[in-house]
Protein backbone atom coordinates (compact mmCIF):
# COMPACT_ATOMS: atom_id res chain seq x y z
CA UNK A 1 0.00 0.00 0.00
CA UNK A 2 1.39 3.40 -0.94
CA UNK A 3 1.75 5.87 1.86
CA UNK A 4 -0.10 9.17 1.70
CA UNK A 5 3.24 10.93 2.00
CA UNK A 6 4.52 9.41 -1.25
CA UNK A 7 1.22 9.17 -3.12
CA UNK A 8 1.99 12.28 -5.14
CA UNK A 9 4.90 10.54 -6.89
CA UNK A 10 2.62 8.39 -9.06
CA UNK A 11 -0.24 10.86 -9.41
CA UNK A 12 1.36 14.28 -9.96
CA UNK A 13 3.16 15.16 -13.19
CA UNK A 14 4.87 18.23 -14.58
CA UNK A 15 5.71 18.89 -18.23
CA UNK A 16 6.51 22.14 -20.04
CA UNK A 17 3.84 21.23 -22.62
CA UNK A 18 1.03 21.13 -20.04
CA UNK A 19 -0.01 24.36 -18.30
CA UNK A 20 3.49 25.78 -18.72
CA UNK A 21 5.02 23.13 -16.48
CA UNK A 22 2.69 23.56 -13.50
CA UNK A 23 2.24 20.32 -11.55
CA UNK A 24 -0.99 18.61 -12.62
CA UNK A 25 -2.82 15.42 -11.82
CA UNK A 26 -1.56 12.86 -14.34
CA UNK A 27 -3.79 12.41 -17.34
CA UNK A 28 -5.52 15.75 -16.77
CA UNK A 29 -4.89 19.45 -17.18
CA UNK A 30 -6.06 20.04 -13.60
CA UNK A 31 -3.31 21.70 -11.59
CA UNK A 32 -2.37 20.93 -8.02
CA UNK A 33 -2.77 24.60 -7.15
CA UNK A 34 -6.32 24.61 -8.57
CA UNK A 35 -7.32 21.67 -6.36
CA UNK A 36 -5.67 23.22 -3.30
CA UNK A 37 -7.51 26.48 -3.98
CA UNK A 38 -10.81 24.63 -4.18
CA UNK A 39 -10.11 22.97 -0.82
CA UNK A 40 -9.00 26.25 0.77
CA UNK A 41 -12.27 27.82 -0.35
CA UNK A 42 -14.28 25.11 1.39
CA UNK A 43 -14.90 22.54 -1.34
CA UNK A 44 -15.16 18.99 -0.04
CA UNK A 45 -13.52 16.03 -1.73
CA UNK A 46 -16.99 14.86 -2.77
CA UNK A 47 -17.82 18.22 -4.37
CA UNK A 48 -14.55 18.22 -6.29
CA UNK A 49 -15.06 14.65 -7.49
CA UNK A 50 -18.65 15.43 -8.52
CA UNK A 51 -17.48 18.40 -10.59
CA UNK A 52 -14.38 16.69 -12.05
CA UNK A 53 -15.43 13.11 -12.75
CA UNK A 54 -11.91 11.99 -13.75
CA UNK A 55 -10.56 12.71 -10.26
CA UNK A 56 -10.44 10.26 -7.39
CA UNK A 57 -10.12 10.83 -3.68
CA UNK A 58 -6.51 9.60 -3.97
CA UNK A 59 -5.78 12.23 -6.65
CA UNK A 60 -6.94 14.97 -4.29
CA UNK A 61 -4.95 13.52 -1.40
CA UNK A 62 -1.90 13.42 -3.68
CA UNK A 63 -2.23 17.17 -4.26
CA UNK A 64 -2.12 17.75 -0.52
CA UNK A 65 0.80 15.33 -0.11
CA UNK A 66 2.69 17.14 -2.89
CA UNK A 67 2.19 20.49 -1.15
CA UNK A 68 3.46 19.00 2.12
CA UNK A 69 6.48 17.58 0.28
CA UNK A 70 7.33 21.03 -1.12
CA UNK A 71 7.01 22.66 2.28
CA UNK A 72 9.26 20.02 3.82
CA UNK A 73 11.93 20.72 1.17
CA UNK A 74 12.18 24.39 2.09
CA UNK A 75 14.36 25.84 4.79
CA UNK A 76 12.28 26.93 7.75
CA UNK A 77 11.58 30.63 7.61
CA UNK A 78 9.78 33.02 9.87
CA UNK A 79 6.35 34.10 8.81
CA UNK A 80 5.33 37.56 9.87
CA UNK A 81 1.76 38.53 10.53
PDB file of N, CA and C in Angstrom:
ATOM      1  N   UNK A   1       0.836  -1.188   0.000  1.00  0.00           N
ATOM      2  CA  UNK A   1       0.000   0.000   0.000  1.00  0.00           C
ATOM      3  C   UNK A   1       0.882   1.253   0.000  1.00  0.00           C
ATOM      4  N   UNK A   2       0.595   2.183  -0.887  1.00  0.00           N
ATOM      5  CA  UNK A   2       1.387   3.395  -0.945  1.00  0.00           C
ATOM      6  C   UNK A   2       1.022   4.296   0.231  1.00  0.00           C
ATOM      7  N   UNK A   3       2.027   4.964   0.752  1.00  0.00           N
ATOM      8  CA  UNK A   3       1.746   5.873   1.859  1.00  0.00           C
ATOM      9  C   UNK A   3       1.216   7.185   1.298  1.00  0.00           C
ATOM     10  N   UNK A   4       0.432   7.863   2.101  1.00  0.00           N
ATOM     11  CA  UNK A   4      -0.100   9.166   1.695  1.00  0.00           C
ATOM     12  C   UNK A   4       1.059  10.109   1.381  1.00  0.00           C
ATOM     13  N   UNK A   5       2.098  10.037   2.173  1.00  0.00           N
ATOM     14  CA  UNK A   5       3.245  10.929   2.004  1.00  0.00           C
ATOM     15  C   UNK A   5       3.843  10.823   0.604  1.00  0.00           C
ATOM     16  N   UNK A   6       3.899   9.623   0.053  1.00  0.00           N
ATOM     17  CA  UNK A   6       4.515   9.409  -1.254  1.00  0.00           C
ATOM     18  C   UNK A   6       3.514   9.260  -2.386  1.00  0.00           C
ATOM     19  N   UNK A   7       2.238   9.398  -2.102  1.00  0.00           N
ATOM     20  CA  UNK A   7       1.215   9.175  -3.123  1.00  0.00           C
ATOM     21  C   UNK A   7       1.347  10.123  -4.303  1.00  0.00           C
ATOM     22  N   UNK A   8       1.865  11.297  -4.065  1.00  0.00           N
ATOM     23  CA  UNK A   8       1.987  12.275  -5.135  1.00  0.00           C
ATOM     24  C   UNK A   8       2.928  11.799  -6.239  1.00  0.00           C
ATOM     25  N   UNK A   9       3.888  10.944  -5.917  1.00  0.00           N
ATOM     26  CA  UNK A   9       4.896  10.541  -6.894  1.00  0.00           C
ATOM     27  C   UNK A   9       4.319   9.811  -8.099  1.00  0.00           C
ATOM     28  N   UNK A  10       3.216   9.095  -7.917  1.00  0.00           N
ATOM     29  CA  UNK A  10       2.622   8.393  -9.057  1.00  0.00           C
ATOM     30  C   UNK A  10       1.416   9.131  -9.629  1.00  0.00           C
ATOM     31  N   UNK A  11       0.977  10.176  -8.981  1.00  0.00           N
ATOM     32  CA  UNK A  11      -0.242  10.864  -9.413  1.00  0.00           C
ATOM     33  C   UNK A  11      -0.023  12.287  -9.920  1.00  0.00           C
ATOM     34  N   UNK A  12       1.103  12.894  -9.581  1.00  0.00           N
ATOM     35  CA  UNK A  12       1.364  14.279  -9.963  1.00  0.00           C
ATOM     36  C   UNK A  12       2.460  14.291 -11.030  1.00  0.00           C
ATOM     37  N   UNK A  13       2.253  15.115 -12.048  1.00  0.00           N
ATOM     38  CA  UNK A  13       3.161  15.163 -13.188  1.00  0.00           C
ATOM     39  C   UNK A  13       3.393  16.621 -13.570  1.00  0.00           C
ATOM     40  N   UNK A  14       4.559  16.895 -14.099  1.00  0.00           N
ATOM     41  CA  UNK A  14       4.868  18.232 -14.579  1.00  0.00           C
ATOM     42  C   UNK A  14       5.582  18.119 -15.917  1.00  0.00           C
ATOM     43  N   UNK A  15       5.111  18.882 -16.891  1.00  0.00           N
ATOM     44  CA  UNK A  15       5.706  18.889 -18.230  1.00  0.00           C
ATOM     45  C   UNK A  15       5.564  20.301 -18.801  1.00  0.00           C
ATOM     46  N   UNK A  16       6.602  20.799 -19.457  1.00  0.00           N
ATOM     47  CA  UNK A  16       6.510  22.144 -20.043  1.00  0.00           C
ATOM     48  C   UNK A  16       5.360  22.286 -21.042  1.00  0.00           C
ATOM     49  N   UNK A  17       4.916  21.186 -21.628  1.00  0.00           N
ATOM     50  CA  UNK A  17       3.835  21.225 -22.619  1.00  0.00           C
ATOM     51  C   UNK A  17       2.443  21.329 -21.998  1.00  0.00           C
ATOM     52  N   UNK A  18       2.338  21.101 -20.710  1.00  0.00           N
ATOM     53  CA  UNK A  18       1.031  21.126 -20.042  1.00  0.00           C
ATOM     54  C   UNK A  18       1.021  22.244 -19.004  1.00  0.00           C
ATOM     55  N   UNK A  19       0.147  23.209 -19.206  1.00  0.00           N
ATOM     56  CA  UNK A  19      -0.011  24.358 -18.299  1.00  0.00           C
ATOM     57  C   UNK A  19       1.320  25.021 -17.953  1.00  0.00           C
ATOM     58  N   UNK A  20       2.204  25.095 -18.927  1.00  0.00           N
ATOM     59  CA  UNK A  20       3.485  25.776 -18.716  1.00  0.00           C
ATOM     60  C   UNK A  20       4.371  25.128 -17.673  1.00  0.00           C
ATOM     61  N   UNK A  21       4.177  23.845 -17.434  1.00  0.00           N
ATOM     62  CA  UNK A  21       5.017  23.132 -16.479  1.00  0.00           C
ATOM     63  C   UNK A  21       4.480  23.077 -15.065  1.00  0.00           C
ATOM     64  N   UNK A  22       3.286  23.652 -14.840  1.00  0.00           N
ATOM     65  CA  UNK A  22       2.689  23.556 -13.502  1.00  0.00           C
ATOM     66  C   UNK A  22       2.425  22.087 -13.181  1.00  0.00           C
ATOM     67  N   UNK A  23       2.588  21.686 -11.927  1.00  0.00           N
ATOM     68  CA  UNK A  23       2.240  20.317 -11.550  1.00  0.00           C
ATOM     69  C   UNK A  23       0.741  20.076 -11.726  1.00  0.00           C
ATOM     70  N   UNK A  24       0.406  18.979 -12.375  1.00  0.00           N
ATOM     71  CA  UNK A  24      -0.985  18.606 -12.616  1.00  0.00           C
ATOM     72  C   UNK A  24      -1.212  17.170 -12.185  1.00  0.00           C
ATOM     73  N   UNK A  25      -2.471  16.801 -12.063  1.00  0.00           N
ATOM     74  CA  UNK A  25      -2.819  15.416 -11.821  1.00  0.00           C
ATOM     75  C   UNK A  25      -2.637  14.680 -13.144  1.00  0.00           C
ATOM     76  N   UNK A  26      -1.875  13.598 -13.112  1.00  0.00           N
ATOM     77  CA  UNK A  26      -1.559  12.862 -14.340  1.00  0.00           C
ATOM     78  C   UNK A  26      -2.811  12.544 -15.136  1.00  0.00           C
ATOM     79  N   UNK A  27      -2.682  12.716 -16.452  1.00  0.00           N
ATOM     80  CA  UNK A  27      -3.789  12.413 -17.341  1.00  0.00           C
ATOM     81  C   UNK A  27      -4.830  13.508 -17.432  1.00  0.00           C
ATOM     82  N   UNK A  28      -4.576  14.631 -16.748  1.00  0.00           N
ATOM     83  CA  UNK A  28      -5.520  15.753 -16.768  1.00  0.00           C
ATOM     84  C   UNK A  28      -4.744  17.043 -17.016  1.00  0.00           C
ATOM     85  N   UNK A  29      -5.477  18.106 -17.158  1.00  0.00           N
ATOM     86  CA  UNK A  29      -4.894  19.449 -17.181  1.00  0.00           C
ATOM     87  C   UNK A  29      -5.345  20.206 -15.923  1.00  0.00           C
ATOM     88  N   UNK A  30      -5.623  19.459 -14.872  1.00  0.00           N
ATOM     89  CA  UNK A  30      -6.057  20.043 -13.601  1.00  0.00           C
ATOM     90  C   UNK A  30      -4.835  20.196 -12.705  1.00  0.00           C
ATOM     91  N   UNK A  31      -4.524  21.445 -12.365  1.00  0.00           N
ATOM     92  CA  UNK A  31      -3.309  21.697 -11.594  1.00  0.00           C
ATOM     93  C   UNK A  31      -3.505  21.429 -10.099  1.00  0.00           C
ATOM     94  N   UNK A  32      -2.395  21.119  -9.476  1.00  0.00           N
ATOM     95  CA  UNK A  32      -2.374  20.928  -8.025  1.00  0.00           C
ATOM     96  C   UNK A  32      -2.856  22.201  -7.337  1.00  0.00           C
ATOM     97  N   UNK A  33      -2.386  23.348  -7.804  1.00  0.00           N
ATOM     98  CA  UNK A  33      -2.774  24.598  -7.152  1.00  0.00           C
ATOM     99  C   UNK A  33      -4.275  24.852  -7.283  1.00  0.00           C
ATOM    100  N   UNK A  34      -4.874  24.455  -8.404  1.00  0.00           N
ATOM    101  CA  UNK A  34      -6.315  24.614  -8.572  1.00  0.00           C
ATOM    102  C   UNK A  34      -7.073  23.793  -7.530  1.00  0.00           C
ATOM    103  N   UNK A  35      -6.664  22.546  -7.346  1.00  0.00           N
ATOM    104  CA  UNK A  35      -7.320  21.674  -6.361  1.00  0.00           C
ATOM    105  C   UNK A  35      -7.132  22.228  -4.956  1.00  0.00           C
ATOM    106  N   UNK A  36      -5.916  22.668  -4.638  1.00  0.00           N
ATOM    107  CA  UNK A  36      -5.669  23.224  -3.305  1.00  0.00           C
ATOM    108  C   UNK A  36      -6.494  24.485  -3.069  1.00  0.00           C
ATOM    109  N   UNK A  37      -6.663  25.298  -4.101  1.00  0.00           N
ATOM    110  CA  UNK A  37      -7.513  26.485  -3.976  1.00  0.00           C
ATOM    111  C   UNK A  37      -8.962  26.104  -3.733  1.00  0.00           C
ATOM    112  N   UNK A  38      -9.440  25.084  -4.422  1.00  0.00           N
ATOM    113  CA  UNK A  38     -10.813  24.629  -4.176  1.00  0.00           C
ATOM    114  C   UNK A  38     -10.990  24.219  -2.712  1.00  0.00           C
ATOM    115  N   UNK A  39     -10.044  23.435  -2.205  1.00  0.00           N
ATOM    116  CA  UNK A  39     -10.112  22.973  -0.819  1.00  0.00           C
ATOM    117  C   UNK A  39     -10.050  24.165   0.141  1.00  0.00           C
ATOM    118  N   UNK A  40      -9.148  25.106  -0.143  1.00  0.00           N
ATOM    119  CA  UNK A  40      -8.999  26.250   0.769  1.00  0.00           C
ATOM    120  C   UNK A  40     -10.238  27.142   0.769  1.00  0.00           C
ATOM    121  N   UNK A  41     -11.028  27.051  -0.286  1.00  0.00           N
ATOM    122  CA  UNK A  41     -12.271  27.817  -0.351  1.00  0.00           C
ATOM    123  C   UNK A  41     -13.474  27.021   0.128  1.00  0.00           C
ATOM    124  N   UNK A  42     -13.218  25.859   0.737  1.00  0.00           N
ATOM    125  CA  UNK A  42     -14.284  25.114   1.389  1.00  0.00           C
ATOM    126  C   UNK A  42     -14.873  23.953   0.623  1.00  0.00           C
ATOM    127  N   UNK A  43     -14.366  23.675  -0.579  1.00  0.00           N
ATOM    128  CA  UNK A  43     -14.900  22.536  -1.337  1.00  0.00           C
ATOM    129  C   UNK A  43     -14.509  21.228  -0.653  1.00  0.00           C
ATOM    130  N   UNK A  44     -15.443  20.315  -0.602  1.00  0.00           N
ATOM    131  CA  UNK A  44     -15.158  18.993  -0.044  1.00  0.00           C
ATOM    132  C   UNK A  44     -14.610  18.095  -1.146  1.00  0.00           C
ATOM    133  N   UNK A  45     -14.010  16.999  -0.746  1.00  0.00           N
ATOM    134  CA  UNK A  45     -13.524  16.029  -1.729  1.00  0.00           C
ATOM    135  C   UNK A  45     -14.677  15.577  -2.623  1.00  0.00           C
ATOM    136  N   UNK A  46     -15.823  15.331  -2.016  1.00  0.00           N
ATOM    137  CA  UNK A  46     -16.989  14.859  -2.771  1.00  0.00           C
ATOM    138  C   UNK A  46     -17.427  15.886  -3.803  1.00  0.00           C
ATOM    139  N   UNK A  47     -17.440  17.162  -3.426  1.00  0.00           N
ATOM    140  CA  UNK A  47     -17.822  18.216  -4.367  1.00  0.00           C
ATOM    141  C   UNK A  47     -16.846  18.293  -5.531  1.00  0.00           C
ATOM    142  N   UNK A  48     -15.563  18.179  -5.228  1.00  0.00           N
ATOM    143  CA  UNK A  48     -14.552  18.224  -6.286  1.00  0.00           C
ATOM    144  C   UNK A  48     -14.712  17.034  -7.225  1.00  0.00           C
ATOM    145  N   UNK A  49     -14.902  15.851  -6.665  1.00  0.00           N
ATOM    146  CA  UNK A  49     -15.062  14.650  -7.493  1.00  0.00           C
ATOM    147  C   UNK A  49     -16.347  14.689  -8.309  1.00  0.00           C
ATOM    148  N   UNK A  50     -17.400  15.284  -7.769  1.00  0.00           N
ATOM    149  CA  UNK A  50     -18.653  15.431  -8.521  1.00  0.00           C
ATOM    150  C   UNK A  50     -18.470  16.359  -9.722  1.00  0.00           C
ATOM    151  N   UNK A  51     -17.692  17.417  -9.527  1.00  0.00           N
ATOM    152  CA  UNK A  51     -17.478  18.399 -10.588  1.00  0.00           C
ATOM    153  C   UNK A  51     -16.463  17.911 -11.631  1.00  0.00           C
ATOM    154  N   UNK A  52     -15.460  17.178 -11.178  1.00  0.00           N
ATOM    155  CA  UNK A  52     -14.382  16.695 -12.050  1.00  0.00           C
ATOM    156  C   UNK A  52     -14.365  15.164 -11.972  1.00  0.00           C
ATOM    157  N   UNK A  53     -15.162  14.560 -12.818  1.00  0.00           N
ATOM    158  CA  UNK A  53     -15.433  13.112 -12.749  1.00  0.00           C
ATOM    159  C   UNK A  53     -14.186  12.240 -12.911  1.00  0.00           C
ATOM    160  N   UNK A  54     -13.129  12.772 -13.541  1.00  0.00           N
ATOM    161  CA  UNK A  54     -11.906  11.986 -13.746  1.00  0.00           C
ATOM    162  C   UNK A  54     -11.042  11.906 -12.494  1.00  0.00           C
ATOM    163  N   UNK A  55     -11.386  12.689 -11.467  1.00  0.00           N
ATOM    164  CA  UNK A  55     -10.561  12.713 -10.260  1.00  0.00           C
ATOM    165  C   UNK A  55     -11.064  11.735  -9.215  1.00  0.00           C
ATOM    166  N   UNK A  56     -10.117  11.165  -8.502  1.00  0.00           N
ATOM    167  CA  UNK A  56     -10.437  10.261  -7.392  1.00  0.00           C
ATOM    168  C   UNK A  56     -10.036  10.929  -6.079  1.00  0.00           C
ATOM    169  N   UNK A  57     -10.503  10.359  -5.012  1.00  0.00           N
ATOM    170  CA  UNK A  57     -10.115  10.825  -3.678  1.00  0.00           C
ATOM    171  C   UNK A  57      -8.591  10.777  -3.538  1.00  0.00           C
ATOM    172  N   UNK A  58      -7.963   9.729  -4.063  1.00  0.00           N
ATOM    173  CA  UNK A  58      -6.511   9.604  -3.966  1.00  0.00           C
ATOM    174  C   UNK A  58      -5.790  10.673  -4.779  1.00  0.00           C
ATOM    175  N   UNK A  59      -6.375  11.128  -5.888  1.00  0.00           N
ATOM    176  CA  UNK A  59      -5.777  12.231  -6.652  1.00  0.00           C
ATOM    177  C   UNK A  59      -5.760  13.502  -5.807  1.00  0.00           C
ATOM    178  N   UNK A  60      -6.844  13.763  -5.118  1.00  0.00           N
ATOM    179  CA  UNK A  60      -6.944  14.966  -4.292  1.00  0.00           C
ATOM    180  C   UNK A  60      -5.974  14.874  -3.118  1.00  0.00           C
ATOM    181  N   UNK A  61      -5.906  13.714  -2.491  1.00  0.00           N
ATOM    182  CA  UNK A  61      -4.951  13.516  -1.396  1.00  0.00           C
ATOM    183  C   UNK A  61      -3.521  13.695  -1.884  1.00  0.00           C
ATOM    184  N   UNK A  62      -3.245  13.272  -3.122  1.00  0.00           N
ATOM    185  CA  UNK A  62      -1.902  13.416  -3.683  1.00  0.00           C
ATOM    186  C   UNK A  62      -1.535  14.885  -3.836  1.00  0.00           C
ATOM    187  N   UNK A  63      -2.491  15.733  -4.171  1.00  0.00           N
ATOM    188  CA  UNK A  63      -2.235  17.171  -4.262  1.00  0.00           C
ATOM    189  C   UNK A  63      -1.800  17.724  -2.907  1.00  0.00           C
ATOM    190  N   UNK A  64      -2.475  17.305  -1.869  1.00  0.00           N
ATOM    191  CA  UNK A  64      -2.123  17.752  -0.520  1.00  0.00           C
ATOM    192  C   UNK A  64      -0.745  17.213  -0.134  1.00  0.00           C
ATOM    193  N   UNK A  65      -0.498  15.944  -0.428  1.00  0.00           N
ATOM    194  CA  UNK A  65       0.798  15.333  -0.108  1.00  0.00           C
ATOM    195  C   UNK A  65       1.929  16.033  -0.859  1.00  0.00           C
ATOM    196  N   UNK A  66       1.682  16.425  -2.102  1.00  0.00           N
ATOM    197  CA  UNK A  66       2.689  17.136  -2.888  1.00  0.00           C
ATOM    198  C   UNK A  66       3.002  18.493  -2.253  1.00  0.00           C
ATOM    199  N   UNK A  67       1.980  19.196  -1.814  1.00  0.00           N
ATOM    200  CA  UNK A  67       2.189  20.489  -1.151  1.00  0.00           C
ATOM    201  C   UNK A  67       3.007  20.306   0.129  1.00  0.00           C
ATOM    202  N   UNK A  68       2.702  19.284   0.888  1.00  0.00           N
ATOM    203  CA  UNK A  68       3.459  19.001   2.115  1.00  0.00           C
ATOM    204  C   UNK A  68       4.911  18.702   1.772  1.00  0.00           C
ATOM    205  N   UNK A  69       5.121  17.916   0.728  1.00  0.00           N
ATOM    206  CA  UNK A  69       6.478  17.580   0.275  1.00  0.00           C
ATOM    207  C   UNK A  69       7.262  18.862  -0.044  1.00  0.00           C
ATOM    208  N   UNK A  70       6.637  19.792  -0.770  1.00  0.00           N
ATOM    209  CA  UNK A  70       7.328  21.027  -1.121  1.00  0.00           C
ATOM    210  C   UNK A  70       7.654  21.863   0.110  1.00  0.00           C
ATOM    211  N   UNK A  71       6.751  21.915   1.049  1.00  0.00           N
ATOM    212  CA  UNK A  71       7.007  22.659   2.283  1.00  0.00           C
ATOM    213  C   UNK A  71       8.162  22.033   3.048  1.00  0.00           C
ATOM    214  N   UNK A  72       8.194  20.708   3.102  1.00  0.00           N
ATOM    215  CA  UNK A  72       9.261  20.017   3.820  1.00  0.00           C
ATOM    216  C   UNK A  72      10.626  20.206   3.167  1.00  0.00           C
ATOM    217  N   UNK A  73      10.664  20.495   1.870  1.00  0.00           N
ATOM    218  CA  UNK A  73      11.931  20.722   1.168  1.00  0.00           C
ATOM    219  C   UNK A  73      12.553  22.065   1.504  1.00  0.00           C
ATOM    220  N   UNK A  74      11.724  23.030   1.863  1.00  0.00           N
ATOM    221  CA  UNK A  74      12.182  24.393   2.089  1.00  0.00           C
ATOM    222  C   UNK A  74      12.837  24.536   3.455  1.00  0.00           C
ATOM    223  N   UNK A  75      13.767  25.474   3.510  1.00  0.00           N
ATOM    224  CA  UNK A  75      14.365  25.843   4.785  1.00  0.00           C
ATOM    225  C   UNK A  75      13.296  26.525   5.628  1.00  0.00           C
ATOM    226  N   UNK A  76      13.264  26.238   6.910  1.00  0.00           N
ATOM    227  CA  UNK A  76      12.284  26.929   7.749  1.00  0.00           C
ATOM    228  C   UNK A  76      12.519  28.439   7.689  1.00  0.00           C
ATOM    229  N   UNK A  77      11.462  29.168   7.601  1.00  0.00           N
ATOM    230  CA  UNK A  77      11.578  30.630   7.614  1.00  0.00           C
ATOM    231  C   UNK A  77      10.510  31.198   8.515  1.00  0.00           C
ATOM    232  N   UNK A  78      10.740  32.358   8.988  1.00  0.00           N
ATOM    233  CA  UNK A  78       9.777  33.017   9.866  1.00  0.00           C
ATOM    234  C   UNK A  78       8.690  33.641   9.023  1.00  0.00           C
ATOM    235  N   UNK A  79       7.481  33.463   9.460  1.00  0.00           N
ATOM    236  CA  UNK A  79       6.346  34.098   8.814  1.00  0.00           C
ATOM    237  C   UNK A  79       5.904  35.261   9.685  1.00  0.00           C
ATOM    238  N   UNK A  80       5.782  36.414   9.083  1.00  0.00           N
ATOM    239  CA  UNK A  80       5.328  37.558   9.868  1.00  0.00           C
ATOM    240  C   UNK A  80       3.855  37.789   9.620  1.00  0.00           C
ATOM    241  N   UNK A  81       3.197  38.277  10.625  1.00  0.00           N
ATOM    242  CA  UNK A  81       1.757  38.526  10.526  1.00  0.00           C
ATOM    243  C   UNK A  81       1.457  39.827   9.859  1.00  0.00           C
TER     244      UNK A  81
END
